[in-house]
Amino acid sequence: MARENLVKMRCEVCKTTNYFTSRNKKKLKEKLEMKKFCKKCKKHVNHKEVK
């Protein structure tokens, strides 16, 4: 059941997929956006949800 709610998080700077997280699609209608550490960029940057 948890696999249905998994979403990919992609770095906005280098466009690599670094994280996978879950979200409640019924409560959160818009896409997630979080500030996370990117291993490739080696700094904290915004990560957006991708399909």
Protein backbone atom coordinates (compact mmCIF):
# COMPACT_ATOMS: atom_id res chain seq x y z
CA MET A 1 0.00 0.00 0.00
CA ALA A 2 2.85 2.41 0.72
CA ARG A 3 4.27 1.93 -2.78
CA GLU A 4 1.25 3.64 -4.30
CA ASN A 5 2.11 6.90 -2.55
CA LEU A 6 5.81 6.99 -3.49
CA VAL A 7 6.99 10.03 -5.44
CA LYS A 8 10.40 10.89 -6.89
CA MET A 9 12.19 14.07 -5.86
CA ARG A 10 14.42 15.71 -8.49
CA CYS A 11 17.07 18.39 -7.96
CA GLU A 12 16.20 21.65 -9.72
CA VAL A 13 19.85 22.49 -10.41
CA CYS A 14 21.38 19.30 -11.85
CA LYS A 15 18.10 17.43 -12.63
CA THR A 16 19.10 14.17 -10.91
CA THR A 17 16.60 12.06 -8.98
CA ASN A 18 17.99 11.81 -5.45
CA TYR A 19 15.12 11.04 -3.12
CA PHE A 20 11.93 9.00 -2.89
CA THR A 21 9.24 9.99 -0.43
CA SER A 22 5.56 9.40 0.16
CA ARG A 23 2.66 11.81 0.32
CA ASN A 24 -1.07 11.72 0.85
CA LYS A 25 -2.51 12.53 -2.57
CA LYS A 26 -5.98 13.16 -1.18
CA LYS A 27 -4.84 15.92 1.20
CA LEU A 28 -1.99 17.46 -0.82
CA LYS A 29 -3.18 18.39 -4.31
CA GLU A 30 -0.10 20.34 -5.44
CA LYS A 31 3.35 18.86 -6.04
CA LEU A 32 5.83 18.61 -3.18
CA GLU A 33 8.82 20.92 -3.00
CA MET A 34 11.49 20.52 -0.33
CA LYS A 35 14.96 21.82 0.32
CA LYS A 36 17.23 18.76 0.46
CA PHE A 37 20.94 17.98 0.14
CA CYS A 38 22.04 17.03 -3.37
CA LYS A 39 25.06 14.72 -3.49
CA LYS A 40 25.99 15.77 -7.01
CA CYS A 41 25.76 19.53 -6.37
CA LYS A 42 27.14 19.12 -2.82
CA LYS A 43 24.78 21.72 -1.36
CA HIS A 44 21.20 22.18 -0.19
CA VAL A 45 18.89 22.98 -3.09
CA ASN A 46 15.18 22.71 -3.87
CA HIS A 47 13.88 19.32 -4.92
CA LYS A 48 10.53 19.03 -6.72
CA GLU A 49 8.25 16.07 -7.17
CA VAL A 50 8.31 14.36 -10.57
CA LYS A 51 6.02 11.77 -12.13
